[in-house]
């Protein structure tokens, strides 16, 4: 009886199709990345953990790099950072960075130390990986900054690509230096003392009569 139940369970797993199969594979891939990092990440190990075959994986993801990115993207989709909308860009930025720091601190450390071989293998950088993960969608930070521009709180001409990514870069650097979430006080300094002075519109001078 026990053998029959095992065979039935195995048959059920092998018959998975579509999203159910894809979710199982990507969950297995994420677990493999956490356990051994990209250096030990293989299609074979993921297939074994997901109870499926290598050809099934290769039909969807041609390389282990493609599979790793898909797994990371799914994890981020399953654990989203909500985009705050408080009515002003300062509060939105502080709330977003605080939320990101608490939920993604370990994620940033993982990228830097567990994905180093990925960057070497694919000849890419952290910036390239970020673009790949977000693809055509905008990050939460992009959304907050766009709202700030629309409300006149940010000068669009001052928001260069490097400045637009400055807060995310500062947050990531602080996490990697301290290996822990960034304090609310430091996040407020990032916003008030570094970022906003760079992007605020110039005050309109009244004409002399």
N, C-alpha and C. Protein backbone atom coordinates (compact mmCIF):
# COMPACT_ATOMS: atom_id res chain seq x y z
N UNK A 1 0.83 -1.21 0.00
CA UNK A 1 0.00 0.00 0.00
C UNK A 1 0.86 1.26 0.00
N UNK A 2 1.93 1.24 0.84
CA UNK A 2 2.81 2.40 0.91
C UNK A 2 3.48 2.66 -0.45
N UNK A 3 3.91 1.56 -1.11
CA UNK A 3 4.54 1.69 -2.42
C UNK A 3 3.58 2.27 -3.44
N UNK A 4 2.32 1.82 -3.39
CA UNK A 4 1.32 2.32 -4.32
C UNK A 4 1.09 3.81 -4.13
N UNK A 5 1.05 4.28 -2.87
CA UNK A 5 0.86 5.69 -2.61
C UNK A 5 2.04 6.51 -3.12
N UNK A 6 3.25 5.95 -2.98
CA UNK A 6 4.44 6.67 -3.45
C UNK A 6 4.41 6.81 -4.95
N UNK A 7 4.00 5.74 -5.66
CA UNK A 7 3.94 5.79 -7.11
C UNK A 7 2.88 6.76 -7.58
N UNK A 8 1.74 6.81 -6.87
CA UNK A 8 0.67 7.75 -7.23
C UNK A 8 1.13 9.18 -7.04
N UNK A 9 1.85 9.43 -5.95
CA UNK A 9 2.36 10.78 -5.69
C UNK A 9 3.36 11.19 -6.76
N UNK A 10 4.26 10.27 -7.12
CA UNK A 10 5.26 10.55 -8.15
C UNK A 10 4.59 10.85 -9.47
N UNK A 11 3.56 10.08 -9.81
CA UNK A 11 2.85 10.28 -11.06
C UNK A 11 2.16 11.64 -11.08
N UNK A 12 1.64 12.04 -9.93
CA UNK A 12 0.95 13.33 -9.84
C UNK A 12 1.93 14.47 -10.06
N UNK A 13 3.14 14.37 -9.45
CA UNK A 13 4.14 15.41 -9.61
C UNK A 13 4.57 15.53 -11.06
N UNK A 14 4.79 14.39 -11.73
CA UNK A 14 5.26 14.42 -13.10
C UNK A 14 4.23 14.98 -14.06
N UNK A 15 2.94 14.94 -13.69
CA UNK A 15 1.89 15.42 -14.57
C UNK A 15 1.63 16.92 -14.43
N UNK A 16 2.39 17.60 -13.59
CA UNK A 16 2.19 19.04 -13.43
C UNK A 16 2.42 19.75 -14.76
N UNK A 17 1.64 20.77 -14.97
CA UNK A 17 1.73 21.51 -16.22
C UNK A 17 1.67 23.02 -15.94
N UNK A 18 2.06 23.79 -16.93
CA UNK A 18 1.88 25.24 -16.90
C UNK A 18 2.43 25.91 -15.65
N UNK A 19 1.62 26.78 -15.06
CA UNK A 19 2.08 27.60 -13.95
C UNK A 19 2.44 26.78 -12.72
N UNK A 20 1.72 25.70 -12.48
CA UNK A 20 2.02 24.87 -11.31
C UNK A 20 3.43 24.30 -11.41
N UNK A 21 3.79 23.83 -12.59
CA UNK A 21 5.14 23.30 -12.79
C UNK A 21 6.18 24.41 -12.72
N UNK A 22 5.88 25.53 -13.36
CA UNK A 22 6.83 26.64 -13.36
C UNK A 22 7.08 27.16 -11.95
N UNK A 23 6.03 27.29 -11.16
CA UNK A 23 6.18 27.77 -9.77
C UNK A 23 7.03 26.80 -8.97
N UNK A 24 6.79 25.50 -9.15
CA UNK A 24 7.56 24.50 -8.41
C UNK A 24 9.04 24.57 -8.78
N UNK A 25 9.33 24.73 -10.05
CA UNK A 25 10.72 24.81 -10.51
C UNK A 25 11.40 26.07 -9.98
N UNK A 26 10.71 27.20 -10.05
CA UNK A 26 11.31 28.46 -9.62
C UNK A 26 11.50 28.49 -8.11
N UNK A 27 10.58 27.90 -7.37
CA UNK A 27 10.75 27.80 -5.91
C UNK A 27 11.96 26.92 -5.60
N UNK A 28 12.10 25.84 -6.33
CA UNK A 28 13.25 24.96 -6.14
C UNK A 28 14.55 25.67 -6.50
N UNK A 29 14.52 26.45 -7.57
CA UNK A 29 15.71 27.19 -7.99
C UNK A 29 16.11 28.21 -6.94
N UNK A 30 15.14 28.91 -6.39
CA UNK A 30 15.43 29.90 -5.34
C UNK A 30 16.05 29.22 -4.12
N UNK A 31 15.53 28.06 -3.75
CA UNK A 31 16.07 27.32 -2.61
C UNK A 31 17.51 26.88 -2.89
N UNK A 32 17.79 26.48 -4.12
CA UNK A 32 19.14 26.09 -4.50
C UNK A 32 20.10 27.28 -4.40
N UNK A 33 19.64 28.44 -4.83
CA UNK A 33 20.47 29.64 -4.75
C UNK A 33 20.78 30.00 -3.30
N UNK A 34 19.79 29.88 -2.44
CA UNK A 34 19.99 30.19 -1.03
C UNK A 34 20.95 29.20 -0.38
N UNK A 35 20.82 27.94 -0.74
CA UNK A 35 21.63 26.91 -0.10
C UNK A 35 23.10 26.97 -0.52
N UNK A 36 23.36 27.19 -1.80
CA UNK A 36 24.74 27.12 -2.25
C UNK A 36 25.24 28.29 -3.05
N UNK A 37 24.39 29.29 -3.27
CA UNK A 37 24.80 30.42 -4.08
C UNK A 37 24.87 30.03 -5.55
N UNK A 38 25.20 31.00 -6.39
CA UNK A 38 25.24 30.73 -7.83
C UNK A 38 26.40 29.80 -8.20
N UNK A 39 27.44 29.79 -7.40
CA UNK A 39 28.61 28.96 -7.71
C UNK A 39 28.24 27.48 -7.76
N UNK A 40 27.29 27.06 -6.94
CA UNK A 40 26.90 25.65 -6.89
C UNK A 40 25.54 25.42 -7.54
N UNK A 41 25.05 26.40 -8.24
CA UNK A 41 23.72 26.35 -8.83
C UNK A 41 23.77 25.59 -10.17
N UNK A 42 22.98 24.52 -10.29
CA UNK A 42 22.97 23.75 -11.52
C UNK A 42 21.54 23.39 -11.92
N UNK A 43 21.35 23.21 -13.22
CA UNK A 43 20.05 22.77 -13.73
C UNK A 43 19.69 21.40 -13.15
N UNK A 44 20.69 20.53 -13.05
CA UNK A 44 20.46 19.18 -12.53
C UNK A 44 19.92 19.21 -11.11
N UNK A 45 20.52 20.04 -10.26
CA UNK A 45 20.10 20.11 -8.86
C UNK A 45 18.69 20.67 -8.74
N UNK A 46 18.38 21.66 -9.55
CA UNK A 46 17.03 22.25 -9.51
C UNK A 46 16.00 21.23 -9.98
N UNK A 47 16.30 20.51 -11.06
CA UNK A 47 15.38 19.50 -11.57
C UNK A 47 15.12 18.43 -10.53
N UNK A 48 16.17 18.01 -9.84
CA UNK A 48 16.01 16.99 -8.81
C UNK A 48 15.16 17.50 -7.66
N UNK A 49 15.40 18.74 -7.23
CA UNK A 49 14.64 19.29 -6.11
C UNK A 49 13.17 19.49 -6.48
N UNK A 50 12.92 19.85 -7.75
CA UNK A 50 11.55 20.10 -8.20
C UNK A 50 10.86 18.81 -8.67
N UNK A 51 11.57 17.69 -8.63
CA UNK A 51 11.01 16.39 -9.06
C UNK A 51 10.53 16.44 -10.51
N UNK A 52 11.42 16.95 -11.36
CA UNK A 52 11.11 16.97 -12.78
C UNK A 52 12.40 16.65 -13.54
N UNK A 53 12.41 16.82 -14.85
CA UNK A 53 13.57 16.46 -15.65
C UNK A 53 14.28 17.69 -16.19
N UNK A 54 15.54 17.51 -16.54
CA UNK A 54 16.33 18.62 -17.09
C UNK A 54 15.74 19.15 -18.40
N UNK A 55 15.29 18.30 -19.33
CA UNK A 55 14.71 18.83 -20.57
C UNK A 55 13.53 19.77 -20.32
N UNK A 56 12.75 19.49 -19.28
CA UNK A 56 11.62 20.37 -18.95
C UNK A 56 12.13 21.77 -18.62
N UNK A 57 13.23 21.84 -17.88
CA UNK A 57 13.79 23.13 -17.51
C UNK A 57 14.42 23.83 -18.70
N UNK A 58 15.17 23.07 -19.50
CA UNK A 58 15.87 23.68 -20.63
C UNK A 58 14.90 24.23 -21.69
N UNK A 59 13.71 23.65 -21.77
CA UNK A 59 12.72 24.17 -22.72
C UNK A 59 12.26 25.56 -22.33
N UNK A 60 12.29 25.86 -21.06
CA UNK A 60 11.83 27.17 -20.57
C UNK A 60 12.98 28.13 -20.32
N UNK A 61 14.10 27.62 -19.81
CA UNK A 61 15.23 28.46 -19.46
C UNK A 61 16.49 27.86 -20.08
N UNK A 62 17.01 28.45 -21.14
CA UNK A 62 18.14 27.87 -21.90
C UNK A 62 19.42 27.70 -21.10
N UNK A 63 19.60 28.50 -20.06
CA UNK A 63 20.84 28.42 -19.29
C UNK A 63 20.54 28.56 -17.81
N UNK A 64 21.52 28.24 -16.99
CA UNK A 64 21.32 28.37 -15.55
C UNK A 64 21.19 29.84 -15.15
N UNK A 65 21.82 30.72 -15.91
CA UNK A 65 21.68 32.15 -15.63
C UNK A 65 20.23 32.60 -15.83
N UNK A 66 19.62 32.15 -16.91
CA UNK A 66 18.21 32.49 -17.16
C UNK A 66 17.31 31.97 -16.05
N UNK A 67 17.58 30.76 -15.60
CA UNK A 67 16.77 30.16 -14.54
C UNK A 67 16.96 30.90 -13.22
N UNK A 68 18.18 31.28 -12.92
CA UNK A 68 18.45 32.01 -11.68
C UNK A 68 17.71 33.34 -11.66
N UNK A 69 17.76 34.08 -12.76
CA UNK A 69 17.08 35.38 -12.83
C UNK A 69 15.57 35.19 -12.69
N UNK A 70 15.03 34.16 -13.33
CA UNK A 70 13.59 33.89 -13.23
C UNK A 70 13.20 33.57 -11.79
N UNK A 71 14.05 32.84 -11.08
CA UNK A 71 13.77 32.49 -9.69
C UNK A 71 13.81 33.72 -8.79
N UNK A 72 14.80 34.58 -9.02
CA UNK A 72 14.90 35.81 -8.22
C UNK A 72 13.71 36.72 -8.50
N UNK A 73 13.32 36.82 -9.77
CA UNK A 73 12.19 37.66 -10.14
C UNK A 73 10.90 37.16 -9.47
N UNK A 74 10.72 35.84 -9.44
CA UNK A 74 9.52 35.32 -8.80
C UNK A 74 9.52 35.59 -7.30
N UNK A 75 10.69 35.43 -6.67
CA UNK A 75 10.78 35.70 -5.23
C UNK A 75 10.40 37.15 -4.94
N UNK A 76 10.91 38.08 -5.76
CA UNK A 76 10.59 39.49 -5.57
C UNK A 76 9.10 39.74 -5.78
N UNK A 77 8.51 39.05 -6.75
CA UNK A 77 7.07 39.19 -7.01
C UNK A 77 6.26 38.66 -5.83
N UNK A 78 6.74 37.60 -5.21
CA UNK A 78 6.04 37.02 -4.06
C UNK A 78 6.22 37.83 -2.79
N UNK A 79 7.26 38.66 -2.74
CA UNK A 79 7.56 39.47 -1.56
C UNK A 79 7.73 40.93 -1.99
N UNK A 80 6.65 41.56 -2.42
CA UNK A 80 6.76 42.91 -2.97
C UNK A 80 6.99 43.98 -1.90
N UNK A 81 7.60 45.06 -2.33
CA UNK A 81 7.70 46.27 -1.52
C UNK A 81 6.63 47.22 -2.03
N UNK A 82 5.72 47.60 -1.17
CA UNK A 82 4.61 48.46 -1.59
C UNK A 82 5.10 49.88 -1.85
N UNK A 83 4.49 50.51 -2.83
CA UNK A 83 4.86 51.88 -3.17
C UNK A 83 4.04 52.85 -2.34
N UNK A 84 4.65 53.61 -1.43
CA UNK A 84 3.89 54.54 -0.59
C UNK A 84 3.37 55.72 -1.40
N UNK A 85 2.28 56.28 -0.95
CA UNK A 85 1.71 57.47 -1.59
C UNK A 85 1.14 58.36 -0.50
N UNK A 86 2.02 59.10 0.17
CA UNK A 86 1.63 59.92 1.31
C UNK A 86 1.20 61.32 0.90
N UNK A 87 1.49 61.70 -0.33
CA UNK A 87 1.11 63.03 -0.79
C UNK A 87 2.29 63.97 -0.98
N UNK A 88 3.48 63.60 -0.48
CA UNK A 88 4.66 64.41 -0.74
C UNK A 88 5.87 63.51 -0.91
N UNK A 89 6.81 63.95 -1.71
CA UNK A 89 7.90 63.08 -2.13
C UNK A 89 8.84 62.74 -0.98
N UNK A 90 9.05 63.67 -0.05
CA UNK A 90 9.95 63.39 1.08
C UNK A 90 9.43 62.22 1.91
N UNK A 91 8.17 62.28 2.29
CA UNK A 91 7.60 61.20 3.11
C UNK A 91 7.57 59.89 2.35
N UNK A 92 7.26 59.98 1.05
CA UNK A 92 7.23 58.77 0.23
C UNK A 92 8.61 58.10 0.18
N UNK A 93 9.64 58.92 -0.02
CA UNK A 93 11.00 58.38 -0.13
C UNK A 93 11.45 57.74 1.18
N UNK A 94 11.19 58.41 2.28
CA UNK A 94 11.58 57.86 3.59
C UNK A 94 10.84 56.56 3.87
N UNK A 95 9.54 56.55 3.61
CA UNK A 95 8.75 55.34 3.85
C UNK A 95 9.22 54.19 2.96
N UNK A 96 9.53 54.49 1.71
CA UNK A 96 9.96 53.45 0.78
C UNK A 96 11.32 52.87 1.19
N UNK A 97 12.25 53.74 1.56
CA UNK A 97 13.57 53.27 1.95
C UNK A 97 13.52 52.47 3.25
N UNK A 98 12.70 52.91 4.20
CA UNK A 98 12.56 52.16 5.45
C UNK A 98 12.01 50.77 5.19
N UNK A 99 10.99 50.71 4.35
CA UNK A 99 10.39 49.42 4.01
C UNK A 99 11.39 48.52 3.27
N UNK A 100 12.10 49.11 2.31
CA UNK A 100 13.08 48.35 1.54
C UNK A 100 14.21 47.84 2.42
N UNK A 101 14.65 48.67 3.35
CA UNK A 101 15.74 48.29 4.23
C UNK A 101 15.36 47.10 5.10
N UNK A 102 14.14 47.12 5.61
CA UNK A 102 13.70 46.03 6.50
C UNK A 102 13.48 44.73 5.74
N UNK A 103 12.93 44.83 4.54
CA UNK A 103 12.55 43.61 3.82
C UNK A 103 13.62 43.09 2.87
N UNK A 104 14.55 43.96 2.44
CA UNK A 104 15.49 43.55 1.40
C UNK A 104 16.96 43.61 1.83
N UNK A 105 17.22 43.82 3.11
CA UNK A 105 18.61 43.89 3.55
C UNK A 105 19.35 42.59 3.27
N UNK A 106 18.75 41.47 3.68
CA UNK A 106 19.38 40.17 3.43
C UNK A 106 19.48 39.89 1.93
N UNK A 107 18.53 40.41 1.18
CA UNK A 107 18.52 40.22 -0.26
C UNK A 107 19.73 40.89 -0.89
N UNK A 108 20.05 42.11 -0.45
CA UNK A 108 21.20 42.85 -0.99
C UNK A 108 22.50 42.13 -0.67
N UNK A 109 22.61 41.61 0.55
CA UNK A 109 23.81 40.87 0.94
C UNK A 109 23.94 39.60 0.10
N UNK A 110 22.81 38.93 -0.13
CA UNK A 110 22.80 37.73 -0.95
C UNK A 110 23.33 38.02 -2.36
N UNK A 111 22.83 39.10 -2.96
CA UNK A 111 23.27 39.47 -4.31
C UNK A 111 24.79 39.66 -4.37
N UNK A 112 25.32 40.35 -3.39
CA UNK A 112 26.73 40.71 -3.44
C UNK A 112 27.65 39.52 -3.20
N UNK A 113 27.27 38.62 -2.29
CA UNK A 113 28.17 37.55 -1.92
C UNK A 113 27.83 36.20 -2.57
N UNK A 114 26.56 35.97 -2.87
CA UNK A 114 26.17 34.68 -3.42
C UNK A 114 26.05 34.68 -4.94
N UNK A 115 26.03 35.87 -5.55
CA UNK A 115 25.85 35.95 -7.00
C UNK A 115 27.10 36.43 -7.73
N UNK A 116 28.22 36.47 -7.05
CA UNK A 116 29.44 37.00 -7.67
C UNK A 116 29.83 36.21 -8.91
N UNK A 117 29.67 34.89 -8.89
CA UNK A 117 30.03 34.09 -10.06
C UNK A 117 29.08 34.36 -11.23
N UNK A 118 27.83 34.73 -10.92
CA UNK A 118 26.89 35.08 -11.99
C UNK A 118 27.40 36.29 -12.76
N UNK A 119 27.86 37.30 -12.05
CA UNK A 119 28.37 38.51 -12.72
C UNK A 119 29.59 38.19 -13.57
N UNK A 120 30.44 37.31 -13.08
CA UNK A 120 31.64 36.93 -13.84
C UNK A 120 31.26 36.10 -15.07
N UNK A 121 30.33 35.17 -14.90
CA UNK A 121 29.93 34.28 -15.99
C UNK A 121 29.22 35.04 -17.11
N UNK A 122 28.37 35.98 -16.73
CA UNK A 122 27.57 36.70 -17.71
C UNK A 122 28.18 38.03 -18.13
N UNK A 123 29.31 38.39 -17.50
CA UNK A 123 29.99 39.66 -17.79
C UNK A 123 29.03 40.83 -17.61
N UNK A 124 28.31 40.81 -16.50
CA UNK A 124 27.35 41.85 -16.19
C UNK A 124 27.65 42.45 -14.82
N UNK A 125 26.89 43.48 -14.46
CA UNK A 125 27.06 44.15 -13.18
C UNK A 125 25.75 44.13 -12.39
N UNK A 126 25.81 44.66 -11.17
CA UNK A 126 24.61 44.76 -10.36
C UNK A 126 23.57 45.63 -11.06
N UNK A 127 24.01 46.67 -11.74
CA UNK A 127 23.09 47.54 -12.47
C UNK A 127 22.39 46.78 -13.60
N UNK A 128 23.15 45.95 -14.30
CA UNK A 128 22.56 45.14 -15.37
C UNK A 128 21.53 44.17 -14.80
N UNK A 129 21.84 43.58 -13.65
CA UNK A 129 20.92 42.64 -13.02
C UNK A 129 19.63 43.34 -12.63
N UNK A 130 19.76 44.55 -12.11
CA UNK A 130 18.57 45.31 -11.72
C UNK A 130 17.67 45.55 -12.93
N UNK A 131 18.28 45.93 -14.06
CA UNK A 131 17.50 46.16 -15.28
C UNK A 131 16.81 44.88 -15.73
N UNK A 132 17.51 43.77 -15.61
CA UNK A 132 16.95 42.48 -16.03
C UNK A 132 15.77 42.09 -15.16
N UNK A 133 15.87 42.36 -13.88
CA UNK A 133 14.80 41.98 -12.95
C UNK A 133 13.55 42.81 -13.17
N UNK A 134 13.74 44.09 -13.41
CA UNK A 134 12.57 44.95 -13.59
C UNK A 134 12.07 44.96 -15.03
N UNK A 135 12.95 44.65 -15.98
CA UNK A 135 12.61 44.60 -17.40
C UNK A 135 11.89 45.90 -17.81
N UNK A 136 10.65 45.79 -18.31
CA UNK A 136 9.95 46.97 -18.81
C UNK A 136 9.19 47.73 -17.72
N UNK A 137 9.13 47.16 -16.54
CA UNK A 137 8.39 47.82 -15.47
C UNK A 137 9.28 48.83 -14.75
N UNK A 138 8.65 49.74 -14.03
CA UNK A 138 9.40 50.73 -13.27
C UNK A 138 9.53 50.27 -11.82
N UNK A 139 10.64 50.59 -11.20
CA UNK A 139 10.81 50.27 -9.79
C UNK A 139 9.93 51.20 -8.96
N UNK A 140 9.75 50.82 -7.70
CA UNK A 140 8.95 51.67 -6.79
C UNK A 140 9.58 53.05 -6.65
N UNK A 141 10.91 53.09 -6.64
CA UNK A 141 11.60 54.38 -6.53
C UNK A 141 11.31 55.24 -7.74
N UNK A 142 11.31 54.65 -8.93
CA UNK A 142 10.99 55.41 -10.14
C UNK A 142 9.60 56.01 -10.06
N UNK A 143 8.65 55.22 -9.52
CA UNK A 143 7.27 55.70 -9.41
C UNK A 143 7.19 56.89 -8.46
N UNK A 144 7.86 56.77 -7.30
CA UNK A 144 7.84 57.85 -6.31
C UNK A 144 8.47 59.12 -6.89
N UNK A 145 9.58 58.97 -7.58
CA UNK A 145 10.25 60.15 -8.15
C UNK A 145 9.40 60.79 -9.24
N UNK A 146 8.73 59.97 -10.04
CA UNK A 146 7.86 60.51 -11.10
C UNK A 146 6.72 61.32 -10.49
N UNK A 147 6.16 60.85 -9.39
CA UNK A 147 5.11 61.60 -8.71
C UNK A 147 5.65 62.93 -8.19
N UNK A 148 6.89 62.88 -7.68
CA UNK A 148 7.49 64.11 -7.19
C UNK A 148 7.68 65.13 -8.29
N UNK A 149 8.06 64.67 -9.46
CA UNK A 149 8.20 65.56 -10.63
C UNK A 149 6.85 66.14 -11.01
N UNK A 150 5.82 65.28 -11.07
CA UNK A 150 4.48 65.74 -11.46
C UNK A 150 3.93 66.78 -10.48
N UNK A 151 4.28 66.66 -9.21
CA UNK A 151 3.77 67.61 -8.21
C UNK A 151 4.65 68.86 -8.11
N UNK A 152 5.73 68.91 -8.87
CA UNK A 152 6.60 70.07 -8.84
C UNK A 152 7.58 70.08 -7.68
N UNK A 153 7.73 68.94 -7.00
CA UNK A 153 8.64 68.87 -5.87
C UNK A 153 10.07 68.53 -6.31
N UNK A 154 10.21 68.01 -7.51
CA UNK A 154 11.51 67.65 -8.07
C UNK A 154 11.65 68.29 -9.44
N UNK A 155 12.83 68.86 -9.69
CA UNK A 155 13.13 69.44 -10.99
C UNK A 155 13.54 68.31 -11.93
N UNK A 156 12.73 68.07 -12.95
CA UNK A 156 13.00 66.96 -13.87
C UNK A 156 14.39 67.07 -14.49
N UNK A 157 14.84 68.28 -14.79
CA UNK A 157 16.14 68.47 -15.45
C UNK A 157 17.30 68.06 -14.55
N UNK A 158 17.08 68.05 -13.24
CA UNK A 158 18.13 67.67 -12.30
C UNK A 158 18.16 66.17 -12.02
N UNK A 159 17.12 65.48 -12.44
CA UNK A 159 16.99 64.07 -12.12
C UNK A 159 17.68 63.22 -13.20
N UNK A 160 18.99 63.28 -13.21
CA UNK A 160 19.77 62.46 -14.14
C UNK A 160 19.68 60.99 -13.72
N UNK A 161 20.01 60.05 -14.61
CA UNK A 161 19.96 58.63 -14.23
C UNK A 161 20.79 58.31 -12.99
N UNK A 162 21.97 58.93 -12.86
CA UNK A 162 22.82 58.65 -11.69
C UNK A 162 22.18 59.19 -10.41
N UNK A 163 21.62 60.38 -10.48
CA UNK A 163 20.98 60.95 -9.30
C UNK A 163 19.70 60.19 -8.97
N UNK A 164 18.97 59.74 -9.99
CA UNK A 164 17.74 59.00 -9.77
C UNK A 164 17.99 57.70 -9.01
N UNK A 165 19.16 57.10 -9.21
CA UNK A 165 19.49 55.85 -8.53
C UNK A 165 20.28 56.06 -7.24
N UNK A 166 20.53 57.32 -6.89
CA UNK A 166 21.41 57.63 -5.76
C UNK A 166 20.91 57.04 -4.44
N UNK A 167 19.63 57.20 -4.14
CA UNK A 167 19.12 56.71 -2.86
C UNK A 167 19.22 55.19 -2.76
N UNK A 168 18.90 54.52 -3.84
CA UNK A 168 19.02 53.05 -3.84
C UNK A 168 20.48 52.63 -3.67
N UNK A 169 21.38 53.37 -4.30
CA UNK A 169 22.81 53.06 -4.19
C UNK A 169 23.31 53.31 -2.77
N UNK A 170 22.89 54.41 -2.17
CA UNK A 170 23.30 54.72 -0.79
C UNK A 170 22.79 53.66 0.18
N UNK A 171 21.53 53.28 0.00
CA UNK A 171 20.93 52.27 0.88
C UNK A 171 21.68 50.94 0.75
N UNK A 172 21.94 50.54 -0.49
CA UNK A 172 22.64 49.27 -0.73
C UNK A 172 24.04 49.29 -0.14
N UNK A 173 24.75 50.40 -0.33
CA UNK A 173 26.11 50.51 0.19
C UNK A 173 26.12 50.42 1.71
N UNK A 174 25.20 51.09 2.35
CA UNK A 174 25.13 51.07 3.81
C UNK A 174 24.85 49.67 4.32
N UNK A 175 23.95 48.96 3.64
CA UNK A 175 23.63 47.59 4.05
C UNK A 175 24.85 46.69 3.91
N UNK A 176 25.59 46.84 2.81
CA UNK A 176 26.75 45.98 2.58
C UNK A 176 27.90 46.29 3.53
N UNK A 177 27.99 47.53 3.98
CA UNK A 177 29.04 47.91 4.93
C UNK A 177 28.71 47.40 6.32
N UNK A 178 27.44 47.52 6.72
CA UNK A 178 27.05 47.16 8.08
C UNK A 178 26.48 45.75 8.19
N UNK A 179 26.05 45.19 7.05
CA UNK A 179 25.42 43.86 7.01
C UNK A 179 24.17 43.78 7.88
N UNK A 180 23.45 44.90 7.91
CA UNK A 180 22.18 44.93 8.66
C UNK A 180 21.31 46.04 8.10
N UNK A 181 20.00 46.02 8.42
CA UNK A 181 19.12 47.08 7.93
C UNK A 181 19.60 48.46 8.35
N UNK A 182 19.30 49.45 7.52
CA UNK A 182 19.72 50.83 7.78
C UNK A 182 18.74 51.49 8.74
N UNK A 183 19.26 52.24 9.69
CA UNK A 183 18.39 52.89 10.68
C UNK A 183 17.55 53.98 10.03
N UNK A 184 16.42 54.29 10.66
CA UNK A 184 15.54 55.34 10.13
C UNK A 184 16.25 56.69 10.14
N UNK A 185 17.11 56.92 11.13
CA UNK A 185 17.81 58.21 11.21
C UNK A 185 18.76 58.38 10.02
N UNK A 186 19.45 57.33 9.64
CA UNK A 186 20.38 57.41 8.50
C UNK A 186 19.59 57.58 7.20
N UNK A 187 18.47 56.89 7.08
CA UNK A 187 17.64 57.02 5.88
C UNK A 187 17.15 58.46 5.74
N UNK A 188 16.74 59.08 6.84
CA UNK A 188 16.29 60.47 6.80
C UNK A 188 17.42 61.39 6.36
N UNK A 189 18.65 61.11 6.80
CA UNK A 189 19.80 61.89 6.37
C UNK A 189 20.02 61.75 4.87
N UNK A 190 19.89 60.53 4.37
CA UNK A 190 20.04 60.31 2.93
C UNK A 190 19.09 61.20 2.13
N UNK A 191 17.84 61.24 2.59
CA UNK A 191 16.81 61.98 1.86
C UNK A 191 16.97 63.48 2.04
N UNK A 192 17.09 63.93 3.30
CA UNK A 192 17.09 65.37 3.59
C UNK A 192 18.41 66.07 3.28
N UNK A 193 19.52 65.40 3.59
CA UNK A 193 20.81 66.08 3.50
C UNK A 193 21.55 65.83 2.18
N UNK A 194 21.19 64.75 1.49
CA UNK A 194 21.92 64.41 0.26
C UNK A 194 21.05 64.51 -0.98
N UNK A 195 19.91 63.81 -0.98
CA UNK A 195 19.14 63.69 -2.22
C UNK A 195 18.31 64.92 -2.55
N UNK A 196 17.44 65.33 -1.63
CA UNK A 196 16.52 66.43 -1.95
C UNK A 196 17.24 67.74 -2.32
N UNK A 197 18.33 68.10 -1.65
CA UNK A 197 19.03 69.32 -2.08
C UNK A 197 19.52 69.27 -3.53
N UNK A 198 19.73 68.07 -4.06
CA UNK A 198 20.20 67.94 -5.43
C UNK A 198 19.09 68.11 -6.47
N UNK A 199 17.85 67.84 -6.07
CA UNK A 199 16.78 67.78 -7.07
C UNK A 199 15.66 68.80 -6.87
N UNK A 200 15.73 69.55 -5.79
CA UNK A 200 14.65 70.52 -5.56
C UNK A 200 14.67 71.61 -6.64
N UNK A 201 13.50 72.05 -7.07
CA UNK A 201 13.44 73.17 -8.03
C UNK A 201 13.97 74.45 -7.36
N UNK A 202 14.55 75.31 -8.17
CA UNK A 202 14.99 76.60 -7.64
C UNK A 202 13.77 77.44 -7.27
N UNK A 203 13.84 78.16 -6.15
CA UNK A 203 12.71 79.02 -5.78
C UNK A 203 12.51 80.13 -6.80
N UNK A 204 11.28 80.42 -7.04
CA UNK A 204 10.96 81.48 -8.00
C UNK A 204 11.15 82.84 -7.32
N UNK A 205 11.99 83.68 -7.93
CA UNK A 205 12.23 85.01 -7.36
C UNK A 205 11.17 85.99 -7.83
N UNK A 206 10.70 86.76 -6.90
CA UNK A 206 9.70 87.77 -7.25
C UNK A 206 10.38 88.92 -7.98
N UNK A 207 9.73 89.41 -9.02
CA UNK A 207 10.29 90.52 -9.78
C UNK A 207 10.16 91.82 -8.99
N UNK A 208 11.22 92.62 -9.06
CA UNK A 208 11.18 93.91 -8.36
C UNK A 208 10.25 94.87 -9.11
N UNK A 209 9.49 95.57 -8.37
CA UNK A 209 8.59 96.54 -8.98
C UNK A 209 9.29 97.87 -9.18
